[in-house]
Amino acid sequence: MSGLRKRITKVGRQVLDNYCQKGDEIRGRIMIPPIPDSKFIDKLPEDVELEGQNAAERELQEGYEAEVKVFRCFEEVKSNVIVIHQLDYTHEQYAAFLPDHQCNVKMCKRGLDTHDCHQPKKNVEGETDFVVIGMSFVAVFEVKGLSLQSCTEDEGELKIKGCVEDASRQRKRMVDLIRSVDSSLRVYEFTLLSNVSREEVDEKYLSDETLLFSEDLDHLVHIIDSCEVFSSNALKPGIRKNIAWCLLGLWCIDQDNKWDITTCSLPKCIMDIDSKLRRALVTRKSVDEVAAEVNRSSGKNKGRKKTSSIKEYPKNPEMVDAPSLFQNYLNVKCLTKNQLDIFESEARFLRVDGLAGSGKTIVMLGKIIHLVLTTSPEKRILLIIPHGARYEEYSSSLMAECHLNLLNNIIEDVTLCEKIKYDYEDDNDNDTDDELNDKIEEAGRLMLQQLSDSSSKIILLVIRRAPAAVSMKSFMTNFDYVFVDDFQSLLDFQQITLGTNRKFADKNFIFEGILTIVQESKTSKTSVWILNDDAQSV
């Protein structure tokens, strides 16, 4: 056994022990990874006919969407199986199991004669969509997102023929690898055309038991159960563990033969997706650029011959490269066209409505950074955010501190932002209306005094309780720019923290302050951005 194969097996053993077993038994159905990772992420127009690379990218997206559909079906399996999704491997890793395997280099100059593969070590040799390891069998699934809509009969036949042949080659490579671990293994092979129904294909394809169609998605659990039943004897524990070690290790190890077994964990998967969303890595171009940056910083490309060709990417009208300040200060690579339009808006009064996660706050922070960099020092900015009540205390505090840290690092060694909190005690249910009113007004006076004493360019005003103080509605006019995040929450605070007390229901100095700016727009020069999500309102 080669050293690399021993390493792959060792990694797989760690994965099995940490994520797939309870004691010595595999604990129910295990998905590796726990959630599918999005590889094809560009949003392409749906109302026009795509050509060239855009058309190719759409096919890749449809293929991936088909895999996700199958992934969800496998999640319904109840038996003790391990389902591995997107198992790819390099030439070097494949050769660790099959050192004399047939050449798999596209357009190989040696012709079609059988000869040992001569691919570079790090080249991806192959990829399998799903491998299912059962108690007495292993099953290999290739999923194709082929669609025959708008195809003539002859075009459809050519597409299906090419698709089936390609899937057969992919399956064979994986089956050969599995049998190299133990030739006695019962291995089933399937190609699933998840977007093609039986009615759309020639009868000759219906007799092929390895071909599954869209109707079979509803029976995938039954197919897995049948594979278990038709495999007469359960695999010996040692054999089953050995094949699980090899395939799990092969999934976990990367092209440089390094590994991190936490990639099999749900928290790691969620963190990776969250990181992509926060950095707006939502186009193939942005993902490749980040990967290139990582390679440059790690020295991976050192000594490699540079090519003069420039890679072309699908045209994605919904996405644009983010302005440099987003990349430099917020680590955001892309914006939607709508986000860019909002950022570049010169409107004095702007209300931005959008669901949670749609990027409202990122655009607002970008606008504030832009104003800091382009306006004179005396131009002042007020940023108002909610804190507490229905917001989880820790995350709210963390958001305020993140904003404060970001805004104080726009210009090196210059403190631009000061945090002021509006708060009062309202935990005493025995307070009379007058006593509560005194607390609210005292909190308002304290806030006004802090605002008056501050000379910072940016004030981060954190609203902890219902902003019901009176006689302070004109305080916003002292600022040149006012930004209000989660406006709907600030209006809801009365109901959340003051309940049904009608005496305070109509008092809200945030609303009154904005209304005053609008009413005095001819004399006041204050600009206002309101960020709102009605879906989160109580």
Protein backbone atom coordinates (compact mmCIF):
# COMPACT_ATOMS: atom_id res chain seq x y z
CA MET A 1 0.00 0.00 0.00
CA SER A 2 1.41 3.40 -1.01
CA GLY A 3 2.15 6.10 1.53
CA LEU A 4 -0.56 8.35 0.09
CA ARG A 5 -3.17 5.59 0.30
CA LYS A 6 -2.22 5.03 3.95
CA ARG A 7 -2.66 8.76 4.56
CA ILE A 8 -6.08 8.80 2.87
CA THR A 9 -7.17 5.80 4.94
CA LYS A 10 -5.94 7.44 8.15
CA VAL A 11 -7.90 10.63 7.39
CA GLY A 12 -11.03 8.61 6.60
CA ARG A 13 -10.71 6.75 9.86
CA GLN A 14 -10.69 10.06 11.76
CA VAL A 15 -13.79 11.23 9.87
CA LEU A 16 -15.63 7.96 10.55
CA ASP A 17 -14.76 7.99 14.25
CA ASN A 18 -15.65 11.67 14.76
CA TYR A 19 -18.74 12.17 12.59
CA CYS A 20 -20.23 8.85 11.49
CA GLN A 21 -20.18 6.42 14.42
CA LYS A 22 -21.65 5.99 17.84
CA GLY A 23 -19.44 3.44 19.49
CA ASP A 24 -18.67 0.85 16.81
CA GLU A 25 -21.91 1.34 14.87
CA ILE A 26 -22.73 3.84 12.10
CA ARG A 27 -25.46 6.01 13.62
CA GLY A 28 -28.30 6.20 11.12
CA ARG A 29 -28.07 8.03 7.81
CA ILE A 30 -24.97 10.26 7.65
CA MET A 31 -24.59 12.99 5.00
CA ILE A 32 -21.04 14.09 4.09
CA PRO A 33 -21.03 17.08 3.91
CA PRO A 34 -24.08 17.74 6.14
CA ILE A 35 -25.36 20.38 3.67
CA PRO A 36 -24.54 20.77 -0.04
CA ASP A 37 -21.88 23.31 -0.94
CA SER A 38 -22.77 25.67 -3.76
CA LYS A 39 -20.22 25.56 -6.56
CA PHE A 40 -22.17 27.22 -9.34
CA ILE A 41 -23.38 30.49 -7.94
CA ASP A 42 -23.77 33.06 -10.71
CA LYS A 43 -27.30 34.34 -11.24
CA LEU A 44 -27.96 34.31 -14.97
CA PRO A 45 -30.90 35.96 -16.75
CA GLU A 46 -33.88 33.68 -17.22
CA ASP A 47 -35.83 35.62 -19.84
CA VAL A 48 -33.27 35.55 -22.68
CA GLU A 49 -31.66 32.82 -24.76
CA LEU A 50 -28.14 32.20 -23.46
CA GLU A 51 -25.20 31.56 -25.74
CA GLY A 52 -21.57 30.48 -25.47
CA GLN A 53 -20.12 30.43 -21.96
CA ASN A 54 -23.32 31.70 -20.41
CA ALA A 55 -25.15 28.69 -21.85
CA ALA A 56 -22.44 26.36 -20.54
CA GLU A 57 -22.65 27.98 -17.11
CA ARG A 58 -26.42 27.53 -17.08
CA GLU A 59 -25.96 23.81 -17.78
CA LEU A 60 -23.53 23.56 -14.86
CA GLN A 61 -26.02 25.36 -12.62
CA GLU A 62 -28.84 23.06 -13.69
CA GLY A 63 -26.59 20.09 -12.96
CA TYR A 64 -25.82 21.37 -9.50
CA GLU A 65 -29.47 22.15 -8.78
CA ALA A 66 -30.28 18.59 -9.81
CA GLU A 67 -27.69 17.32 -7.31
CA VAL A 68 -29.24 19.38 -4.52
CA LYS A 69 -32.63 17.89 -5.37
CA VAL A 70 -31.15 14.39 -5.04
CA PHE A 71 -29.31 15.39 -1.84
CA ARG A 72 -32.65 16.29 -0.27
CA CYS A 73 -34.09 12.91 -1.30
CA PHE A 74 -31.16 11.06 0.29
CA GLU A 75 -31.85 12.95 3.52
CA GLU A 76 -35.10 10.97 3.77
CA VAL A 77 -33.24 7.62 3.95
CA LYS A 78 -33.73 6.05 7.40
CA SER A 79 -31.33 3.11 7.22
CA ASN A 80 -27.71 3.06 8.40
CA VAL A 81 -25.90 4.45 5.36
CA ILE A 82 -23.20 7.01 4.67
CA VAL A 83 -23.99 9.31 1.73
CA ILE A 84 -20.95 11.12 0.30
CA HIS A 85 -21.66 14.08 -2.01
CA GLN A 86 -19.24 15.49 -4.62
CA LEU A 87 -16.36 13.06 -4.22
CA ASP A 88 -13.57 14.29 -6.49
CA TYR A 89 -9.96 13.12 -6.62
CA THR A 90 -6.69 14.00 -8.29
CA HIS A 91 -4.67 11.79 -10.62
CA GLU A 92 -2.16 11.19 -7.83
CA GLN A 93 -4.88 10.16 -5.37
CA TYR A 94 -6.57 7.87 -7.89
CA ALA A 95 -3.22 6.29 -8.76
CA ALA A 96 -2.69 5.51 -5.07
CA PHE A 97 -5.49 2.94 -5.49
CA LEU A 98 -5.05 2.08 -9.20
CA PRO A 99 -1.45 2.83 -10.22
CA ASP A 100 -1.91 1.33 -13.73
CA HIS A 101 -5.31 2.80 -14.58
CA GLN A 102 -6.20 3.70 -18.16
CA CYS A 103 -5.36 7.19 -19.44
CA ASN A 104 -7.97 9.82 -18.70
CA VAL A 105 -6.35 12.84 -20.38
CA LYS A 106 -8.72 14.62 -22.71
CA MET A 107 -7.38 14.90 -26.29
CA CYS A 108 -4.47 12.63 -25.36
CA LYS A 109 -1.85 12.76 -28.15
CA ARG A 110 -1.09 9.06 -27.75
CA GLY A 111 -4.42 8.20 -29.29
CA LEU A 112 -7.13 5.77 -28.19
CA ASP A 113 -4.88 2.80 -27.48
CA THR A 114 -4.91 1.66 -23.87
CA HIS A 115 -1.95 3.05 -21.94
CA ASP A 116 -1.16 4.16 -18.43
CA CYS A 117 -2.44 7.60 -17.50
CA HIS A 118 0.15 10.38 -17.71
CA GLN A 119 -1.81 13.29 -16.24
CA PRO A 120 -0.01 15.73 -13.92
CA LYS A 121 -0.34 14.66 -10.28
CA LYS A 122 -2.57 17.53 -9.17
CA ASN A 123 -5.01 17.32 -12.07
CA VAL A 124 -8.54 16.34 -11.09
CA GLU A 125 -8.91 12.79 -12.39
CA GLY A 126 -12.62 12.47 -11.83
CA GLU A 127 -15.68 13.33 -9.76
CA THR A 128 -18.62 11.31 -8.49
CA ASP A 129 -21.86 13.00 -7.50
CA PHE A 130 -22.94 10.52 -4.79
CA VAL A 131 -21.54 7.37 -3.22
CA VAL A 132 -23.77 5.49 -0.77
CA ILE A 133 -22.14 3.03 1.64
CA GLY A 134 -24.73 0.61 3.02
CA MET A 135 -24.55 -2.37 5.36
CA SER A 136 -24.05 -4.81 2.49
CA PHE A 137 -23.43 -2.73 -0.62
CA VAL A 138 -21.96 0.39 -2.17
CA ALA A 139 -23.90 2.44 -4.76
CA VAL A 140 -22.54 5.04 -7.16
CA PHE A 141 -24.87 7.75 -8.49
CA GLU A 142 -24.13 10.17 -11.31
CA VAL A 143 -26.69 12.98 -11.51
CA LYS A 144 -27.31 14.89 -14.73
CA GLY A 145 -29.34 18.08 -14.91
CA LEU A 146 -30.06 17.53 -18.61
CA SER A 147 -33.27 19.11 -19.86
CA LEU A 148 -34.93 18.27 -23.17
CA GLN A 149 -37.16 21.32 -23.28
CA SER A 150 -37.05 23.17 -26.61
CA CYS A 151 -35.10 20.27 -28.18
CA THR A 152 -36.05 18.53 -31.40
CA GLU A 153 -36.27 14.73 -31.30
CA ASP A 154 -32.85 14.35 -32.94
CA GLU A 155 -31.25 16.97 -30.64
CA GLY A 156 -32.74 15.25 -27.59
CA GLU A 157 -31.39 11.87 -28.71
CA LEU A 158 -27.87 13.25 -29.16
CA LYS A 159 -27.98 14.96 -25.76
CA ILE A 160 -29.18 11.85 -23.93
CA LYS A 161 -26.68 9.59 -25.71
CA GLY A 162 -23.74 11.88 -24.85
CA CYS A 163 -24.96 12.37 -21.28
CA VAL A 164 -25.39 8.64 -20.63
CA GLU A 165 -21.99 7.78 -22.09
CA ASP A 166 -20.24 10.48 -20.07
CA ALA A 167 -21.95 9.32 -16.85
CA SER A 168 -20.99 5.72 -17.61
CA ARG A 169 -17.31 6.68 -17.86
CA GLN A 170 -17.49 8.61 -14.60
CA ARG A 171 -19.19 5.72 -12.83
CA LYS A 172 -16.65 3.20 -14.11
CA ARG A 173 -13.71 5.15 -12.69
CA MET A 174 -15.28 5.21 -9.23
CA VAL A 175 -16.42 1.57 -9.37
CA ASP A 176 -12.88 0.48 -10.34
CA LEU A 177 -11.49 2.45 -7.39
CA ILE A 178 -14.01 0.89 -4.97
CA ARG A 179 -13.27 -2.64 -6.17
CA SER A 180 -9.54 -2.00 -5.80
CA VAL A 181 -10.22 -1.76 -2.04
CA ASP A 182 -12.05 -5.11 -2.01
CA SER A 183 -13.06 -7.02 -5.14
CA SER A 184 -15.86 -8.82 -3.27
CA LEU A 185 -17.86 -5.63 -2.75
CA ARG A 186 -21.35 -5.50 -4.29
CA VAL A 187 -21.40 -2.20 -6.20
CA TYR A 188 -24.54 -0.76 -7.84
CA GLU A 189 -24.34 1.94 -10.51
CA PHE A 190 -26.99 4.49 -11.44
CA THR A 191 -27.27 7.53 -13.69
CA LEU A 192 -30.11 9.81 -12.59
CA LEU A 193 -31.59 12.20 -15.18
CA SER A 194 -33.54 14.21 -12.63
CA ASN A 195 -35.05 16.68 -15.13
CA VAL A 196 -36.05 14.09 -17.77
CA SER A 197 -39.20 12.01 -17.51
CA ARG A 198 -39.67 8.49 -18.90
CA GLU A 199 -42.15 9.85 -21.43
CA GLU A 200 -39.44 11.98 -23.04
CA VAL A 201 -36.99 9.20 -23.91
CA ASP A 202 -36.78 6.34 -26.37
CA GLU A 203 -37.89 2.93 -25.13
CA LYS A 204 -34.34 1.55 -25.38
CA TYR A 205 -33.32 3.71 -22.42
CA LEU A 206 -36.21 2.45 -20.28
CA SER A 207 -34.83 -1.09 -20.36
CA ASP A 208 -31.51 0.06 -18.87
CA GLU A 209 -31.79 -0.65 -15.14
CA THR A 210 -28.91 1.72 -14.37
CA LEU A 211 -30.89 4.72 -15.71
CA LEU A 212 -33.23 6.59 -13.39
CA PHE A 213 -35.56 9.44 -14.34
CA SER A 214 -37.45 12.29 -12.66
CA GLU A 215 -40.23 9.92 -11.55
CA ASP A 216 -37.65 7.88 -9.63
CA LEU A 217 -36.77 10.75 -7.30
CA ASP A 218 -39.86 9.92 -5.24
CA HIS A 219 -38.63 6.31 -4.93
CA LEU A 220 -34.97 6.93 -4.10
CA VAL A 221 -35.40 5.73 -0.51
CA HIS A 222 -37.00 2.51 -1.79
CA ILE A 223 -34.12 2.02 -4.27
CA ILE A 224 -31.57 2.27 -1.44
CA ASP A 225 -33.59 -0.16 0.68
CA SER A 226 -33.80 -2.55 -2.29
CA CYS A 227 -30.02 -2.46 -2.78
CA GLU A 228 -29.71 -3.57 0.84
CA VAL A 229 -32.22 -6.38 0.40
CA PHE A 230 -30.80 -7.73 -2.86
CA SER A 231 -27.27 -7.83 -1.48
CA SER A 232 -27.47 -11.23 0.18
CA ASN A 233 -24.97 -10.90 2.99
CA ALA A 234 -23.93 -7.94 5.08
CA LEU A 235 -20.38 -6.80 4.58
CA LYS A 236 -17.98 -7.97 7.19
CA PRO A 237 -17.40 -5.08 9.63
CA GLY A 238 -13.74 -4.84 8.65
CA ILE A 239 -14.53 -4.57 4.93
CA ARG A 240 -17.25 -1.99 5.43
CA LYS A 241 -15.03 0.14 7.62
CA ASN A 242 -12.14 -0.14 5.17
CA ILE A 243 -14.18 1.10 2.22
CA ALA A 244 -15.66 3.88 4.41
CA TRP A 245 -12.16 4.95 5.51
CA CYS A 246 -10.92 5.08 1.90
CA LEU A 247 -13.89 7.01 0.47
CA LEU A 248 -14.28 9.40 3.40
CA GLY A 249 -10.55 10.10 3.38
CA LEU A 250 -10.61 10.67 -0.37
CA TRP A 251 -13.47 13.16 0.07
CA CYS A 252 -11.77 15.01 2.91
CA ILE A 253 -8.24 15.31 1.50
CA ASP A 254 -7.56 18.20 -0.89
CA GLN A 255 -5.52 18.50 -4.10
CA ASP A 256 -2.35 19.12 -2.09
CA ASN A 257 -3.05 16.02 0.01
CA LYS A 258 -3.81 18.11 3.09
CA TRP A 259 -6.97 17.83 5.14
CA ASP A 260 -9.20 19.34 7.77
CA ILE A 261 -11.75 16.87 9.11
CA THR A 262 -13.96 19.70 10.40
CA THR A 263 -15.09 20.18 6.79
CA CYS A 264 -17.41 17.26 7.60
CA SER A 265 -19.09 19.14 10.44
CA LEU A 266 -22.31 21.15 10.19
CA PRO A 267 -20.88 24.20 12.03
CA LYS A 268 -17.97 24.42 9.55
CA CYS A 269 -20.34 24.17 6.57
CA ILE A 270 -22.57 26.92 7.96
CA MET A 271 -19.58 29.15 8.75
CA ASP A 272 -18.22 28.72 5.21
CA ILE A 273 -21.55 29.68 3.64
CA ASP A 274 -21.93 32.61 6.04
CA SER A 275 -18.43 33.81 5.12
CA LYS A 276 -19.25 33.66 1.40
CA LEU A 277 -22.43 35.65 1.92
CA ARG A 278 -20.78 38.26 4.13
CA ARG A 279 -18.00 38.75 1.59
CA ALA A 280 -20.51 38.66 -1.30
CA LEU A 281 -18.66 35.85 -3.05
CA VAL A 282 -21.60 35.25 -5.34
CA THR A 283 -19.99 35.10 -8.78
CA ARG A 284 -17.50 32.67 -10.27
CA LYS A 285 -15.14 35.56 -10.98
CA SER A 286 -15.09 36.76 -7.35
CA VAL A 287 -14.49 33.22 -6.05
CA ASP A 288 -11.59 32.71 -8.47
CA GLU A 289 -10.06 36.06 -7.55
CA VAL A 290 -10.12 35.21 -3.85
CA ALA A 291 -8.62 31.77 -4.56
CA ALA A 292 -5.85 33.44 -6.60
CA GLU A 293 -5.15 35.86 -3.74
CA VAL A 294 -4.85 32.96 -1.29
CA ASN A 295 -2.50 31.10 -3.65
CA ARG A 296 -0.32 34.18 -4.10
CA SER A 297 -0.06 34.81 -0.38
CA SER A 298 0.77 31.15 0.31
CA GLY A 299 3.36 31.02 -2.49
CA LYS A 300 1.51 28.25 -4.33
CA ASN A 301 1.97 29.84 -7.74
CA LYS A 302 5.66 30.53 -7.21
CA GLY A 303 7.67 29.24 -10.13
CA ARG A 304 4.65 28.57 -12.31
CA LYS A 305 4.74 29.85 -15.85
CA LYS A 306 2.44 32.84 -16.29
CA THR A 307 -0.06 32.73 -19.13
CA SER A 308 -1.04 35.76 -21.14
CA SER A 309 -4.60 34.56 -21.72
CA ILE A 310 -7.36 36.23 -19.70
CA LYS A 311 -10.12 33.96 -18.48
CA GLU A 312 -13.58 34.91 -19.65
CA TYR A 313 -16.49 34.76 -17.24
CA PRO A 314 -20.23 34.56 -17.79
CA LYS A 315 -21.88 37.92 -18.20
CA ASN A 316 -23.99 38.42 -15.11
CA PRO A 317 -26.16 41.53 -15.46
CA GLU A 318 -27.44 41.25 -11.89
CA MET A 319 -23.96 41.46 -10.31
CA VAL A 320 -21.20 44.08 -10.50
CA ASP A 321 -17.74 44.43 -9.00
CA ALA A 322 -17.97 46.33 -5.72
CA PRO A 323 -16.30 49.79 -5.58
CA SER A 324 -12.82 49.63 -4.08
CA LEU A 325 -13.89 50.99 -0.67
CA PHE A 326 -16.20 47.97 -0.22
CA GLN A 327 -13.30 45.67 -0.97
CA ASN A 328 -10.78 47.58 1.15
CA TYR A 329 -12.89 48.27 4.24
CA LEU A 330 -15.71 45.71 4.20
CA ASN A 331 -14.05 42.78 2.39
CA VAL A 332 -17.01 42.67 -0.02
CA LYS A 333 -16.16 41.70 -3.59
CA CYS A 334 -19.50 42.07 -5.36
CA LEU A 335 -22.72 44.03 -5.18
CA THR A 336 -26.02 43.54 -6.90
CA LYS A 337 -26.83 46.19 -9.46
CA ASN A 338 -29.61 47.37 -7.14
CA GLN A 339 -27.17 47.74 -4.24
CA LEU A 340 -24.79 49.77 -6.39
CA ASP A 341 -27.64 52.03 -7.54
CA ILE A 342 -28.57 52.70 -3.90
CA PHE A 343 -24.95 53.37 -2.93
CA GLU A 344 -24.52 55.84 -5.80
CA SER A 345 -27.87 57.57 -5.19
CA GLU A 346 -27.66 61.33 -4.65
CA ALA A 347 -31.20 61.51 -3.25
CA ARG A 348 -31.42 63.58 -0.08
CA PHE A 349 -34.17 61.42 1.41
CA LEU A 350 -33.89 57.70 0.74
CA ARG A 351 -35.90 54.79 2.14
CA VAL A 352 -34.47 51.31 1.45
CA ASP A 353 -36.83 48.37 1.94
CA GLY A 354 -35.43 44.85 1.90
CA LEU A 355 -35.52 41.50 3.66
CA ALA A 356 -32.99 40.48 6.29
CA GLY A 357 -29.74 39.49 4.60
CA SER A 358 -30.41 41.46 1.41
CA GLY A 359 -27.41 43.73 2.00
CA LYS A 360 -29.04 46.94 3.24
CA THR A 361 -26.59 47.44 6.12
CA ILE A 362 -23.52 46.73 3.96
CA VAL A 363 -24.56 49.41 1.46
CA MET A 364 -25.27 51.85 4.30
CA LEU A 365 -21.83 51.26 5.84
CA GLY A 366 -20.26 51.73 2.41
CA LYS A 367 -22.07 55.07 2.05
CA ILE A 368 -20.91 56.22 5.49
CA ILE A 369 -17.29 55.30 4.68
CA HIS A 370 -17.59 57.15 1.38
CA LEU A 371 -18.85 60.28 3.20
CA VAL A 372 -16.01 60.09 5.72
CA LEU A 373 -13.45 59.92 2.92
CA THR A 374 -14.98 62.63 0.71
CA THR A 375 -16.55 65.26 3.00
CA SER A 376 -14.96 67.96 5.13
CA PRO A 377 -14.30 67.21 8.85
CA GLU A 378 -17.12 69.45 10.08
CA LYS A 379 -19.75 67.41 8.22
CA ARG A 380 -21.26 65.16 10.88
CA ILE A 381 -22.95 61.76 10.60
CA LEU A 382 -25.53 60.16 12.92
CA LEU A 383 -26.07 56.39 12.72
CA ILE A 384 -29.02 55.03 14.73
CA ILE A 385 -29.41 51.31 15.40
CA PRO A 386 -31.70 49.30 17.71
CA HIS A 387 -30.42 47.19 20.58
CA GLY A 388 -32.18 44.72 22.87
CA ALA A 389 -35.91 44.05 23.21
CA ARG A 390 -36.64 41.35 20.64
CA TYR A 391 -32.98 41.48 19.56
CA GLU A 392 -30.80 38.90 21.29
CA GLU A 393 -28.67 40.83 23.76
CA TYR A 394 -25.28 39.40 22.84
CA SER A 395 -25.67 39.68 19.05
CA SER A 396 -26.99 43.24 19.36
CA SER A 397 -24.03 44.28 21.46
CA LEU A 398 -21.67 42.56 19.04
CA MET A 399 -23.20 44.39 16.07
CA ALA A 400 -22.76 47.77 17.79
CA GLU A 401 -19.13 46.99 18.65
CA CYS A 402 -18.42 45.78 15.10
CA HIS A 403 -19.83 49.03 13.69
CA LEU A 404 -17.78 51.05 16.17
CA ASN A 405 -14.58 49.19 15.38
CA LEU A 406 -15.12 49.48 11.63
CA LEU A 407 -15.87 53.21 11.67
CA ASN A 408 -12.89 53.95 13.91
CA ASN A 409 -10.52 52.24 11.50
CA ILE A 410 -11.41 54.12 8.33
CA ILE A 411 -8.49 56.51 8.83
CA GLU A 412 -5.43 55.18 10.60
CA ASP A 413 -4.87 56.49 14.16
CA VAL A 414 -7.97 58.72 13.98
CA THR A 415 -10.97 58.09 16.26
CA LEU A 416 -13.96 59.13 14.20
CA CYS A 417 -16.86 57.42 15.94
CA GLU A 418 -18.33 57.66 19.44
CA LYS A 419 -21.05 55.37 20.80
CA ILE A 420 -23.94 56.84 22.81
CA LYS A 421 -26.69 54.69 24.31
CA TYR A 422 -30.29 55.69 24.99
CA ASP A 423 -31.57 53.54 27.86
CA TYR A 424 -33.66 53.58 31.03
CA GLU A 425 -35.01 51.09 33.57
CA ASP A 426 -38.53 49.88 32.85
CA ASP A 427 -38.50 46.58 34.72
CA ASN A 428 -40.66 47.79 37.59
CA ASP A 429 -44.29 46.94 36.80
CA ASN A 430 -45.37 49.07 39.76
CA ASP A 431 -44.17 52.34 38.18
CA THR A 432 -46.93 54.90 37.67
CA ASP A 433 -47.19 56.64 34.29
CA ASP A 434 -45.60 59.74 35.83
CA GLU A 435 -42.67 57.74 37.25
CA LEU A 436 -42.11 56.01 33.92
CA ASN A 437 -42.38 59.32 32.11
CA ASP A 438 -39.70 60.78 34.41
CA LYS A 439 -37.35 57.89 33.57
CA ILE A 440 -37.95 58.33 29.84
CA GLU A 441 -37.39 62.10 29.94
CA GLU A 442 -34.25 61.72 32.06
CA ALA A 443 -32.85 59.25 29.53
CA GLY A 444 -33.64 61.77 26.79
CA ARG A 445 -31.92 64.62 28.62
CA LEU A 446 -28.84 62.47 29.23
CA MET A 447 -28.69 61.49 25.58
CA LEU A 448 -29.04 65.12 24.42
CA GLN A 449 -26.26 66.19 26.80
CA GLN A 450 -23.93 63.49 25.46
CA LEU A 451 -24.73 64.48 21.88
CA SER A 452 -24.05 68.12 22.72
CA ASP A 453 -20.73 67.33 24.39
CA SER A 454 -19.45 65.17 21.54
CA SER A 455 -17.42 66.58 18.66
CA SER A 456 -16.91 63.25 16.87
CA LYS A 457 -17.60 63.15 13.15
CA ILE A 458 -19.75 60.01 13.57
CA ILE A 459 -22.16 59.29 16.41
CA LEU A 460 -23.36 55.70 16.79
CA LEU A 461 -26.64 56.08 18.70
CA VAL A 462 -27.79 52.77 20.18
CA ILE A 463 -31.47 52.72 21.12
CA ARG A 464 -31.97 50.30 24.01
CA ARG A 465 -35.53 51.21 25.02
CA ALA A 466 -38.59 52.77 23.43
CA PRO A 467 -37.52 56.22 22.11
CA ALA A 468 -40.51 57.96 23.70
CA ALA A 469 -38.88 61.09 25.16
CA VAL A 470 -40.43 64.40 24.09
CA SER A 471 -39.07 67.90 23.44
CA MET A 472 -36.08 66.58 21.52
CA LYS A 473 -37.45 66.07 18.04
CA SER A 474 -35.08 68.60 16.46
CA PHE A 475 -31.83 66.97 17.64
CA MET A 476 -31.26 65.30 14.25
CA THR A 477 -31.01 68.62 12.46
CA ASN A 478 -27.63 69.13 14.12
CA PHE A 479 -26.23 66.46 11.79
CA ASP A 480 -25.58 66.62 8.06
CA TYR A 481 -26.32 62.96 7.43
CA VAL A 482 -28.65 60.65 9.37
CA PHE A 483 -28.79 56.88 8.84
CA VAL A 484 -31.43 54.75 10.58
CA ASP A 485 -30.99 50.96 10.43
CA ASP A 486 -33.91 48.58 11.15
CA PHE A 487 -36.36 51.49 11.25
CA GLN A 488 -39.32 49.15 11.75
CA SER A 489 -37.79 47.90 15.01
CA LEU A 490 -37.41 51.39 16.39
CA LEU A 491 -41.09 52.03 15.72
CA ASP A 492 -41.99 48.69 17.29
CA PHE A 493 -40.14 49.46 20.53
CA GLN A 494 -43.19 51.21 21.99
CA GLN A 495 -45.26 48.07 21.71
CA ILE A 496 -42.45 45.78 22.83
CA THR A 497 -41.14 47.67 25.83
CA LEU A 498 -44.13 49.83 26.82
CA GLY A 499 -46.90 47.37 25.98
CA THR A 500 -50.37 48.84 25.61
CA ASN A 501 -49.73 52.04 27.56
CA ARG A 502 -51.51 54.54 25.31
CA LYS A 503 -49.90 57.53 26.99
CA PHE A 504 -46.60 56.72 25.26
CA ALA A 505 -47.90 54.99 22.14
CA ASP A 506 -47.58 58.03 19.87
CA LYS A 507 -44.26 59.28 21.24
CA ASN A 508 -41.22 58.35 19.17
CA PHE A 509 -38.41 60.84 18.83
CA ILE A 510 -36.85 58.90 15.92
CA PHE A 511 -39.99 59.27 13.84
CA GLU A 512 -40.57 62.84 15.03
CA GLY A 513 -36.95 63.76 14.30
CA ILE A 514 -37.15 62.52 10.72
CA LEU A 515 -40.52 64.21 10.23
CA THR A 516 -39.04 67.50 11.44
CA ILE A 517 -36.18 67.26 8.90
CA VAL A 518 -38.65 66.68 6.09
CA GLN A 519 -40.94 69.50 7.22
CA GLU A 520 -38.01 71.91 7.51
CA SER A 521 -36.26 70.69 4.36
CA LYS A 522 -36.07 74.21 2.92
CA THR A 523 -34.03 75.47 5.86
CA SER A 524 -32.37 72.25 7.03
CA LYS A 525 -29.68 70.57 4.91
CA THR A 526 -29.80 67.21 6.71
CA SER A 527 -29.96 64.11 4.49
CA VAL A 528 -31.70 60.93 5.72
CA TRP A 529 -31.35 57.25 4.85
CA ILE A 530 -33.95 54.88 6.33
CA LEU A 531 -33.36 51.11 6.16
CA ASN A 532 -36.51 49.10 6.74
CA ASP A 533 -37.78 45.51 6.71
CA ASP A 534 -41.54 45.32 7.26
CA ALA A 535 -41.35 41.50 7.32
CA GLN A 536 -39.60 41.71 10.70
CA SER A 537 -42.09 44.13 12.20
CA VAL A 538 -44.31 42.89 15.03
